[in-house]
All heavy atoms as atom14 arrays in JSON, in Angstrom:
{
  "sequence": "HLVRYAAWLRDSGRPHHKEAAMCKLFATETAAGICDQAARVLASYG",
  "atom14_mask": [
    [1, 1, 1, 1, 1, 1, 1, 1, 1, 1, 0, 0, 0, 0],
    [1, 1, 1, 1, 1, 1, 1, 1, 0, 0, 0, 0, 0, 0],
    [1, 1, 1, 1, 1, 1, 1, 0, 0, 0, 0, 0, 0, 0],
    [1, 1, 1, 1, 1, 1, 1, 1, 1, 1, 1, 0, 0, 0],
    [1, 1, 1, 1, 1, 1, 1, 1, 1, 1, 1, 1, 0, 0],
    [1, 1, 1, 1, 1, 0, 0, 0, 0, 0, 0, 0, 0, 0],
    [1, 1, 1, 1, 1, 0, 0, 0, 0, 0, 0, 0, 0, 0],
    [1, 1, 1, 1, 1, 1, 1, 1, 1, 1, 1, 1, 1, 1],
    [1, 1, 1, 1, 1, 1, 1, 1, 0, 0, 0, 0, 0, 0],
    [1, 1, 1, 1, 1, 1, 1, 1, 1, 1, 1, 0, 0, 0],
    [1, 1, 1, 1, 1, 1, 1, 1, 0, 0, 0, 0, 0, 0],
    [1, 1, 1, 1, 1, 1, 0, 0, 0, 0, 0, 0, 0, 0],
    [1, 1, 1, 1, 0, 0, 0, 0, 0, 0, 0, 0, 0, 0],
    [1, 1, 1, 1, 1, 1, 1, 1, 1, 1, 1, 0, 0, 0],
    [1, 1, 1, 1, 1, 1, 1, 0, 0, 0, 0, 0, 0, 0],
    [1, 1, 1, 1, 1, 1, 1, 1, 1, 1, 0, 0, 0, 0],
    [1, 1, 1, 1, 1, 1, 1, 1, 1, 1, 0, 0, 0, 0],
    [1, 1, 1, 1, 1, 1, 1, 1, 1, 0, 0, 0, 0, 0],
    [1, 1, 1, 1, 1, 1, 1, 1, 1, 0, 0, 0, 0, 0],
    [1, 1, 1, 1, 1, 0, 0, 0, 0, 0, 0, 0, 0, 0],
    [1, 1, 1, 1, 1, 0, 0, 0, 0, 0, 0, 0, 0, 0],
    [1, 1, 1, 1, 1, 1, 1, 1, 0, 0, 0, 0, 0, 0],
    [1, 1, 1, 1, 1, 1, 0, 0, 0, 0, 0, 0, 0, 0],
    [1, 1, 1, 1, 1, 1, 1, 1, 1, 0, 0, 0, 0, 0],
    [1, 1, 1, 1, 1, 1, 1, 1, 0, 0, 0, 0, 0, 0],
    [1, 1, 1, 1, 1, 1, 1, 1, 1, 1, 1, 0, 0, 0],
    [1, 1, 1, 1, 1, 0, 0, 0, 0, 0, 0, 0, 0, 0],
    [1, 1, 1, 1, 1, 1, 1, 0, 0, 0, 0, 0, 0, 0],
    [1, 1, 1, 1, 1, 1, 1, 1, 1, 0, 0, 0, 0, 0],
    [1, 1, 1, 1, 1, 1, 1, 0, 0, 0, 0, 0, 0, 0],
    [1, 1, 1, 1, 1, 0, 0, 0, 0, 0, 0, 0, 0, 0],
    [1, 1, 1, 1, 1, 0, 0, 0, 0, 0, 0, 0, 0, 0],
    [1, 1, 1, 1, 0, 0, 0, 0, 0, 0, 0, 0, 0, 0],
    [1, 1, 1, 1, 1, 1, 1, 1, 0, 0, 0, 0, 0, 0],
    [1, 1, 1, 1, 1, 1, 0, 0, 0, 0, 0, 0, 0, 0],
    [1, 1, 1, 1, 1, 1, 1, 1, 0, 0, 0, 0, 0, 0],
    [1, 1, 1, 1, 1, 1, 1, 1, 1, 0, 0, 0, 0, 0],
    [1, 1, 1, 1, 1, 0, 0, 0, 0, 0, 0, 0, 0, 0],
    [1, 1, 1, 1, 1, 0, 0, 0, 0, 0, 0, 0, 0, 0],
    [1, 1, 1, 1, 1, 1, 1, 1, 1, 1, 1, 0, 0, 0],
    [1, 1, 1, 1, 1, 1, 1, 0, 0, 0, 0, 0, 0, 0],
    [1, 1, 1, 1, 1, 1, 1, 1, 0, 0, 0, 0, 0, 0],
    [1, 1, 1, 1, 1, 0, 0, 0, 0, 0, 0, 0, 0, 0],
    [1, 1, 1, 1, 1, 1, 0, 0, 0, 0, 0, 0, 0, 0],
    [1, 1, 1, 1, 1, 1, 1, 1, 1, 1, 1, 1, 0, 0],
    [1, 1, 1, 1, 0, 0, 0, 0, 0, 0, 0, 0, 0, 0]
  ],
  "atom14_positions": [
    [[0.83, -1.22, 0.0], [0.03, -0.01, -0.01], [0.82, 1.25, 0.02], [0.53, 2.24, -0.67], [-0.94, -0.02, 1.22], [-2.11, -0.88, 1.05], [-3.34, -0.42, 0.64], [-2.29, -2.23, 1.19], [-4.19, -1.43, 0.52], [-3.59, -2.54, 0.89], [0.0, 0.0, 0.0], [0.0, 0.0, 0.0], [0.0, 0.0, 0.0], [0.0, 0.0, 0.0]],
    [[1.95, 1.26, 0.73], [2.79, 2.44, 0.81], [3.49, 2.71, -0.53], [3.59, 3.85, -0.97], [3.83, 2.28, 1.93], [4.64, 3.52, 2.34], [3.67, 4.7, 2.64], [5.45, 3.2, 3.59], [0.0, 0.0, 0.0], [0.0, 0.0, 0.0], [0.0, 0.0, 0.0], [0.0, 0.0, 0.0], [0.0, 0.0, 0.0], [0.0, 0.0, 0.0]],
    [[3.97, 1.66, -1.19], [4.59, 1.84, -2.52], [3.58, 2.33, -3.54], [3.84, 3.27, -4.3], [5.25, 0.51, -2.98], [5.69, 0.6, -4.42], [6.45, 0.14, -2.1], [0.0, 0.0, 0.0], [0.0, 0.0, 0.0], [0.0, 0.0, 0.0], [0.0, 0.0, 0.0], [0.0, 0.0, 0.0], [0.0, 0.0, 0.0], [0.0, 0.0, 0.0]],
    [[2.38, 1.74, -3.55], [1.39, 2.19, -4.49], [0.92, 3.61, -4.22], [0.6, 4.34, -5.16], [0.2, 1.19, -4.5], [0.58, -0.14, -5.13], [-0.58, -1.06, -5.35], [-0.11, -2.31, -5.88], [-0.83, -3.44, -5.96], [-2.06, -3.4, -5.47], [-0.33, -4.53, -6.44], [0.0, 0.0, 0.0], [0.0, 0.0, 0.0], [0.0, 0.0, 0.0]],
    [[0.85, 3.96, -2.95], [0.48, 5.31, -2.62], [1.51, 6.31, -3.12], [1.18, 7.38, -3.7], [0.29, 5.47, -1.1], [-0.05, 6.84, -0.61], [-1.16, 7.5, -1.07], [0.82, 7.51, 0.29], [-1.48, 8.8, -0.65], [0.5, 8.8, 0.72], [-0.64, 9.44, 0.27], [-0.91, 10.72, 0.69], [0.0, 0.0, 0.0], [0.0, 0.0, 0.0]],
    [[2.77, 6.02, -2.9], [3.83, 6.93, -3.35], [3.83, 7.07, -4.9], [3.95, 8.14, -5.45], [5.22, 6.43, -2.92], [0.0, 0.0, 0.0], [0.0, 0.0, 0.0], [0.0, 0.0, 0.0], [0.0, 0.0, 0.0], [0.0, 0.0, 0.0], [0.0, 0.0, 0.0], [0.0, 0.0, 0.0], [0.0, 0.0, 0.0], [0.0, 0.0, 0.0]],
    [[3.6, 5.93, -5.56], [3.56, 5.97, -7.05], [2.29, 6.76, -7.51], [2.38, 7.51, -8.49], [3.44, 4.51, -7.61], [0.0, 0.0, 0.0], [0.0, 0.0, 0.0], [0.0, 0.0, 0.0], [0.0, 0.0, 0.0], [0.0, 0.0, 0.0], [0.0, 0.0, 0.0], [0.0, 0.0, 0.0], [0.0, 0.0, 0.0], [0.0, 0.0, 0.0]],
    [[1.17, 6.6, -6.83], [-0.03, 7.36, -7.14], [0.2, 8.85, -6.98], [-0.22, 9.68, -7.84], [-1.2, 6.89, -6.27], [-2.42, 7.67, -6.42], [-3.35, 7.57, -7.45], [-2.94, 8.72, -5.53], [-4.37, 8.45, -7.26], [-4.16, 9.18, -6.09], [-2.46, 9.22, -4.37], [-4.91, 10.16, -5.5], [-3.21, 10.24, -3.75], [-4.4, 10.67, -4.32]],
    [[0.87, 9.25, -5.91], [1.18, 10.68, -5.7], [2.02, 11.21, -6.85], [1.75, 12.27, -7.4], [1.9, 10.85, -4.4], [1.15, 10.71, -3.1], [2.07, 10.78, -1.88], [0.03, 11.76, -3.0], [0.0, 0.0, 0.0], [0.0, 0.0, 0.0], [0.0, 0.0, 0.0], [0.0, 0.0, 0.0], [0.0, 0.0, 0.0], [0.0, 0.0, 0.0]],
    [[3.02, 10.44, -7.27], [3.89, 10.83, -8.39], [3.08, 10.95, -9.7], [3.24, 11.92, -10.44], [5.01, 9.77, -8.56], [5.87, 9.96, -9.8], [6.76, 11.18, -9.66], [7.67, 11.3, -10.8], [7.38, 11.72, -12.04], [6.15, 12.06, -12.33], [8.31, 11.78, -12.96], [0.0, 0.0, 0.0], [0.0, 0.0, 0.0], [0.0, 0.0, 0.0]],
    [[2.22, 9.97, -9.93], [1.41, 10.0, -11.15], [0.4, 11.14, -11.13], [0.02, 11.64, -12.2], [0.66, 8.68, -11.31], [1.62, 7.52, -11.64], [2.7, 7.76, -12.11], [1.22, 6.34, -11.33], [0.0, 0.0, 0.0], [0.0, 0.0, 0.0], [0.0, 0.0, 0.0], [0.0, 0.0, 0.0], [0.0, 0.0, 0.0], [0.0, 0.0, 0.0]],
    [[-0.01, 11.54, -9.96], [-1.05, 12.61, -9.83], [-0.43, 14.02, -9.81], [-1.16, 15.01, -9.71], [-1.82, 12.41, -8.5], [-2.46, 11.15, -8.51], [0.0, 0.0, 0.0], [0.0, 0.0, 0.0], [0.0, 0.0, 0.0], [0.0, 0.0, 0.0], [0.0, 0.0, 0.0], [0.0, 0.0, 0.0], [0.0, 0.0, 0.0], [0.0, 0.0, 0.0]],
    [[0.92, 14.08, -9.88], [1.58, 15.38, -9.86], [1.57, 16.04, -8.49], [1.67, 17.25, -8.4], [0.0, 0.0, 0.0], [0.0, 0.0, 0.0], [0.0, 0.0, 0.0], [0.0, 0.0, 0.0], [0.0, 0.0, 0.0], [0.0, 0.0, 0.0], [0.0, 0.0, 0.0], [0.0, 0.0, 0.0], [0.0, 0.0, 0.0], [0.0, 0.0, 0.0]],
    [[1.42, 15.25, -7.45], [1.38, 15.8, -6.11], [2.75, 15.69, -5.44], [3.61, 14.89, -5.89], [0.37, 15.03, -5.26], [-1.03, 15.08, -5.87], [-2.02, 14.23, -5.04], [-3.3, 14.14, -5.71], [-4.48, 14.25, -5.12], [-4.52, 14.52, -3.82], [-5.62, 14.15, -5.76], [0.0, 0.0, 0.0], [0.0, 0.0, 0.0], [0.0, 0.0, 0.0]],
    [[2.99, 16.44, -4.39], [4.24, 16.26, -3.66], [4.4, 14.84, -3.18], [3.47, 14.24, -2.63], [4.06, 17.23, -2.43], [3.1, 18.25, -2.91], [2.14, 17.55, -3.81], [0.0, 0.0, 0.0], [0.0, 0.0, 0.0], [0.0, 0.0, 0.0], [0.0, 0.0, 0.0], [0.0, 0.0, 0.0], [0.0, 0.0, 0.0], [0.0, 0.0, 0.0]],
    [[5.56, 14.26, -3.41], [5.79, 12.84, -3.11], [7.2, 12.49, -2.64], [7.49, 11.3, -2.46], [5.47, 12.05, -4.38], [6.33, 12.44, -5.55], [6.1, 13.57, -6.32], [7.46, 11.85, -6.09], [7.07, 13.65, -7.27], [7.87, 12.65, -7.13], [0.0, 0.0, 0.0], [0.0, 0.0, 0.0], [0.0, 0.0, 0.0], [0.0, 0.0, 0.0]],
    [[8.05, 13.43, -2.44], [9.43, 13.1, -2.04], [9.5, 12.44, -0.69], [10.26, 11.52, -0.5], [10.3, 14.35, -2.15], [10.44, 14.87, -3.55], [11.39, 14.31, -4.41], [9.78, 15.84, -4.24], [11.31, 14.92, -5.59], [10.32, 15.83, -5.51], [0.0, 0.0, 0.0], [0.0, 0.0, 0.0], [0.0, 0.0, 0.0], [0.0, 0.0, 0.0]],
    [[8.76, 12.95, 0.27], [8.75, 12.33, 1.59], [8.17, 10.9, 1.51], [8.77, 9.98, 2.06], [7.93, 13.16, 2.56], [7.74, 12.52, 3.96], [6.84, 13.36, 4.84], [5.39, 13.27, 4.36], [4.46, 13.99, 5.22], [0.0, 0.0, 0.0], [0.0, 0.0, 0.0], [0.0, 0.0, 0.0], [0.0, 0.0, 0.0], [0.0, 0.0, 0.0]],
    [[7.08, 10.74, 0.78], [6.46, 9.43, 0.7], [7.33, 8.43, -0.1], [7.32, 7.24, 0.17], [5.09, 9.59, 0.0], [4.04, 10.24, 0.86], [4.19, 11.76, 0.95], [4.95, 12.32, 0.17], [3.5, 12.38, 1.79], [0.0, 0.0, 0.0], [0.0, 0.0, 0.0], [0.0, 0.0, 0.0], [0.0, 0.0, 0.0], [0.0, 0.0, 0.0]],
    [[8.11, 8.99, -1.09], [9.01, 8.11, -1.82], [10.08, 7.55, -0.88], [10.44, 6.41, -0.95], [9.67, 8.87, -2.99], [0.0, 0.0, 0.0], [0.0, 0.0, 0.0], [0.0, 0.0, 0.0], [0.0, 0.0, 0.0], [0.0, 0.0, 0.0], [0.0, 0.0, 0.0], [0.0, 0.0, 0.0], [0.0, 0.0, 0.0], [0.0, 0.0, 0.0]],
    [[10.62, 8.42, -0.02], [11.62, 8.0, 0.96], [11.03, 6.96, 1.93], [11.62, 6.0, 2.3], [12.21, 9.2, 1.67], [0.0, 0.0, 0.0], [0.0, 0.0, 0.0], [0.0, 0.0, 0.0], [0.0, 0.0, 0.0], [0.0, 0.0, 0.0], [0.0, 0.0, 0.0], [0.0, 0.0, 0.0], [0.0, 0.0, 0.0], [0.0, 0.0, 0.0]],
    [[9.75, 7.28, 2.37], [9.1, 6.35, 3.3], [8.85, 5.01, 2.7], [9.08, 3.99, 3.35], [7.76, 6.98, 3.74], [7.86, 8.14, 4.7], [6.22, 8.81, 5.07], [6.57, 9.87, 6.47], [0.0, 0.0, 0.0], [0.0, 0.0, 0.0], [0.0, 0.0, 0.0], [0.0, 0.0, 0.0], [0.0, 0.0, 0.0], [0.0, 0.0, 0.0]],
    [[8.37, 4.96, 1.48], [8.05, 3.69, 0.83], [9.28, 2.85, 0.56], [9.28, 1.62, 0.78], [7.2, 3.87, -0.43], [8.11, 4.05, -1.94], [0.0, 0.0, 0.0], [0.0, 0.0, 0.0], [0.0, 0.0, 0.0], [0.0, 0.0, 0.0], [0.0, 0.0, 0.0], [0.0, 0.0, 0.0], [0.0, 0.0, 0.0], [0.0, 0.0, 0.0]],
    [[10.36, 3.51, 0.21], [11.61, 2.8, -0.03], [12.18, 2.29, 1.32], [12.56, 1.1, 1.36], [12.63, 3.75, -0.69], [13.78, 3.02, -1.4], [14.96, 2.73, -0.46], [16.12, 2.13, -1.18], [17.2, 1.78, -0.27], [0.0, 0.0, 0.0], [0.0, 0.0, 0.0], [0.0, 0.0, 0.0], [0.0, 0.0, 0.0], [0.0, 0.0, 0.0]],
    [[12.13, 3.09, 2.34], [12.59, 2.63, 3.63], [11.8, 1.46, 4.15], [12.34, 0.4, 4.51], [12.5, 3.82, 4.61], [12.74, 3.49, 6.09], [14.17, 3.06, 6.33], [12.39, 4.7, 6.95], [0.0, 0.0, 0.0], [0.0, 0.0, 0.0], [0.0, 0.0, 0.0], [0.0, 0.0, 0.0], [0.0, 0.0, 0.0], [0.0, 0.0, 0.0]],
    [[10.48, 1.62, 4.17], [9.62, 0.59, 4.74], [9.58, -0.66, 3.94], [9.69, -1.83, 4.46], [8.21, 1.15, 4.97], [7.31, 0.19, 5.74], [7.41, 0.14, 7.11], [6.38, -0.59, 5.07], [6.59, -0.74, 7.86], [5.59, -1.47, 5.8], [5.67, -1.54, 7.19], [0.0, 0.0, 0.0], [0.0, 0.0, 0.0], [0.0, 0.0, 0.0]],
    [[9.45, -0.53, 2.62], [9.33, -1.74, 1.75], [10.61, -2.56, 1.77], [10.55, -3.8, 1.84], [8.97, -1.31, 0.35], [0.0, 0.0, 0.0], [0.0, 0.0, 0.0], [0.0, 0.0, 0.0], [0.0, 0.0, 0.0], [0.0, 0.0, 0.0], [0.0, 0.0, 0.0], [0.0, 0.0, 0.0], [0.0, 0.0, 0.0], [0.0, 0.0, 0.0]],
    [[11.75, -1.9, 1.71], [13.01, -2.68, 1.61], [13.31, -3.3, 2.97], [13.76, -4.5, 3.06], [14.18, -1.79, 1.17], [14.31, -0.66, 2.02], [13.93, -1.28, -0.25], [0.0, 0.0, 0.0], [0.0, 0.0, 0.0], [0.0, 0.0, 0.0], [0.0, 0.0, 0.0], [0.0, 0.0, 0.0], [0.0, 0.0, 0.0], [0.0, 0.0, 0.0]],
    [[13.13, -2.62, 4.04], [13.41, -3.19, 5.36], [12.44, -4.34, 5.67], [12.78, -5.35, 6.22], [13.36, -2.13, 6.45], [14.47, -1.14, 6.41], [15.82, -1.67, 6.87], [15.86, -2.85, 7.34], [16.83, -0.94, 6.79], [0.0, 0.0, 0.0], [0.0, 0.0, 0.0], [0.0, 0.0, 0.0], [0.0, 0.0, 0.0], [0.0, 0.0, 0.0]],
    [[11.16, -4.12, 5.29], [10.16, -5.15, 5.52], [10.47, -6.39, 4.68], [10.4, -7.52, 5.16], [8.77, -4.62, 5.19], [8.45, -3.53, 6.03], [7.72, -5.7, 5.33], [0.0, 0.0, 0.0], [0.0, 0.0, 0.0], [0.0, 0.0, 0.0], [0.0, 0.0, 0.0], [0.0, 0.0, 0.0], [0.0, 0.0, 0.0], [0.0, 0.0, 0.0]],
    [[10.88, -6.13, 3.41], [11.18, -7.28, 2.54], [12.4, -8.06, 3.09], [12.41, -9.28, 3.02], [11.48, -6.74, 1.14], [0.0, 0.0, 0.0], [0.0, 0.0, 0.0], [0.0, 0.0, 0.0], [0.0, 0.0, 0.0], [0.0, 0.0, 0.0], [0.0, 0.0, 0.0], [0.0, 0.0, 0.0], [0.0, 0.0, 0.0], [0.0, 0.0, 0.0]],
    [[13.38, -7.36, 3.61], [14.55, -8.05, 4.16], [14.11, -8.92, 5.36], [14.57, -10.05, 5.53], [15.6, -7.0, 4.62], [0.0, 0.0, 0.0], [0.0, 0.0, 0.0], [0.0, 0.0, 0.0], [0.0, 0.0, 0.0], [0.0, 0.0, 0.0], [0.0, 0.0, 0.0], [0.0, 0.0, 0.0], [0.0, 0.0, 0.0], [0.0, 0.0, 0.0]],
    [[13.2, -8.42, 6.16], [12.71, -9.17, 7.28], [11.91, -10.39, 6.84], [11.99, -11.47, 7.41], [0.0, 0.0, 0.0], [0.0, 0.0, 0.0], [0.0, 0.0, 0.0], [0.0, 0.0, 0.0], [0.0, 0.0, 0.0], [0.0, 0.0, 0.0], [0.0, 0.0, 0.0], [0.0, 0.0, 0.0], [0.0, 0.0, 0.0], [0.0, 0.0, 0.0]],
    [[11.11, -10.21, 5.79], [10.29, -11.3, 5.28], [11.17, -12.45, 4.69], [10.94, -13.62, 4.97], [9.33, -10.82, 4.21], [8.19, -9.97, 4.83], [8.72, -11.95, 3.37], [7.34, -9.25, 3.84], [0.0, 0.0, 0.0], [0.0, 0.0, 0.0], [0.0, 0.0, 0.0], [0.0, 0.0, 0.0], [0.0, 0.0, 0.0], [0.0, 0.0, 0.0]],
    [[12.21, -12.07, 3.97], [13.1, -13.05, 3.46], [13.86, -13.81, 4.56], [14.09, -15.03, 4.49], [14.15, -12.42, 2.49], [13.38, -11.79, 0.95], [0.0, 0.0, 0.0], [0.0, 0.0, 0.0], [0.0, 0.0, 0.0], [0.0, 0.0, 0.0], [0.0, 0.0, 0.0], [0.0, 0.0, 0.0], [0.0, 0.0, 0.0], [0.0, 0.0, 0.0]],
    [[14.2, -13.09, 5.61], [14.87, -13.73, 6.77], [13.89, -14.7, 7.45], [14.27, -15.8, 7.81], [15.33, -12.66, 7.75], [15.96, -13.27, 8.98], [17.0, -13.91, 8.85], [15.37, -13.13, 10.09], [0.0, 0.0, 0.0], [0.0, 0.0, 0.0], [0.0, 0.0, 0.0], [0.0, 0.0, 0.0], [0.0, 0.0, 0.0], [0.0, 0.0, 0.0]],
    [[12.63, -14.27, 7.64], [11.68, -15.15, 8.31], [11.36, -16.36, 7.43], [11.13, -17.45, 7.96], [10.41, -14.37, 8.62], [10.58, -13.36, 9.74], [11.03, -13.99, 11.03], [10.47, -15.0, 11.46], [12.02, -13.4, 11.68], [0.0, 0.0, 0.0], [0.0, 0.0, 0.0], [0.0, 0.0, 0.0], [0.0, 0.0, 0.0], [0.0, 0.0, 0.0]],
    [[11.35, -16.17, 6.13], [11.1, -17.32, 5.21], [12.18, -18.38, 5.37], [11.94, -19.54, 5.41], [11.03, -16.81, 3.77], [0.0, 0.0, 0.0], [0.0, 0.0, 0.0], [0.0, 0.0, 0.0], [0.0, 0.0, 0.0], [0.0, 0.0, 0.0], [0.0, 0.0, 0.0], [0.0, 0.0, 0.0], [0.0, 0.0, 0.0], [0.0, 0.0, 0.0]],
    [[13.44, -17.9, 5.46], [14.56, -18.82, 5.66], [14.41, -19.54, 7.03], [14.74, -20.72, 7.11], [15.84, -18.04, 5.61], [0.0, 0.0, 0.0], [0.0, 0.0, 0.0], [0.0, 0.0, 0.0], [0.0, 0.0, 0.0], [0.0, 0.0, 0.0], [0.0, 0.0, 0.0], [0.0, 0.0, 0.0], [0.0, 0.0, 0.0], [0.0, 0.0, 0.0]],
    [[13.86, -18.9, 8.02], [13.66, -19.53, 9.31], [12.55, -20.59, 9.24], [12.65, -21.63, 9.92], [13.38, -18.49, 10.38], [14.53, -17.56, 10.68], [14.09, -16.36, 11.55], [15.14, -15.4, 11.7], [15.91, -15.27, 12.78], [15.72, -16.1, 13.8], [16.84, -14.35, 12.83], [0.0, 0.0, 0.0], [0.0, 0.0, 0.0], [0.0, 0.0, 0.0]],
    [[11.55, -20.28, 8.47], [10.47, -21.29, 8.31], [11.02, -22.58, 7.67], [10.69, -23.68, 8.06], [9.33, -20.7, 7.46], [8.34, -21.81, 7.06], [8.59, -19.61, 8.21], [0.0, 0.0, 0.0], [0.0, 0.0, 0.0], [0.0, 0.0, 0.0], [0.0, 0.0, 0.0], [0.0, 0.0, 0.0], [0.0, 0.0, 0.0], [0.0, 0.0, 0.0]],
    [[11.91, -22.41, 6.72], [12.49, -23.55, 6.04], [13.6, -24.22, 6.85], [14.08, -25.31, 6.52], [13.03, -23.18, 4.66], [12.06, -23.31, 3.5], [10.93, -22.29, 3.55], [12.79, -23.22, 2.16], [0.0, 0.0, 0.0], [0.0, 0.0, 0.0], [0.0, 0.0, 0.0], [0.0, 0.0, 0.0], [0.0, 0.0, 0.0], [0.0, 0.0, 0.0]],
    [[14.06, -23.5, 7.9], [15.13, -24.02, 8.77], [16.34, -24.45, 8.0], [16.9, -23.62, 7.29], [14.55, -25.18, 9.64], [0.0, 0.0, 0.0], [0.0, 0.0, 0.0], [0.0, 0.0, 0.0], [0.0, 0.0, 0.0], [0.0, 0.0, 0.0], [0.0, 0.0, 0.0], [0.0, 0.0, 0.0], [0.0, 0.0, 0.0], [0.0, 0.0, 0.0]],
    [[16.76, -25.71, 8.08], [17.99, -26.1, 7.37], [17.9, -25.88, 5.88], [18.89, -25.51, 5.24], [18.27, -27.6, 7.7], [18.47, -27.79, 9.07], [0.0, 0.0, 0.0], [0.0, 0.0, 0.0], [0.0, 0.0, 0.0], [0.0, 0.0, 0.0], [0.0, 0.0, 0.0], [0.0, 0.0, 0.0], [0.0, 0.0, 0.0], [0.0, 0.0, 0.0]],
    [[16.73, -26.14, 5.33], [16.59, -25.96, 3.88], [16.58, -24.51, 3.47], [16.85, -24.21, 2.3], [15.29, -26.65, 3.4], [15.41, -28.13, 3.48], [14.69, -28.89, 4.43], [16.29, -28.85, 2.65], [14.79, -30.28, 4.52], [16.41, -30.25, 2.71], [15.68, -30.94, 3.65], [15.81, -32.31, 3.76], [0.0, 0.0, 0.0], [0.0, 0.0, 0.0]],
    [[16.38, -23.61, 4.39], [16.52, -22.19, 4.07], [17.97, -21.8, 3.88], [18.27, -20.72, 3.34], [0.0, 0.0, 0.0], [0.0, 0.0, 0.0], [0.0, 0.0, 0.0], [0.0, 0.0, 0.0], [0.0, 0.0, 0.0], [0.0, 0.0, 0.0], [0.0, 0.0, 0.0], [0.0, 0.0, 0.0], [0.0, 0.0, 0.0], [0.0, 0.0, 0.0]]
  ]
}
């Protein structure tokens, strides 16, 4: 939702620099956590 919101702001010609930074920060850190947790679910096979 945060990435799509930032993209929508950009497409709408609205201020979006703060939201772009927020979406990059949150999405990448969250994705890193998800990949780590996925490896934990698989345990040795991760």
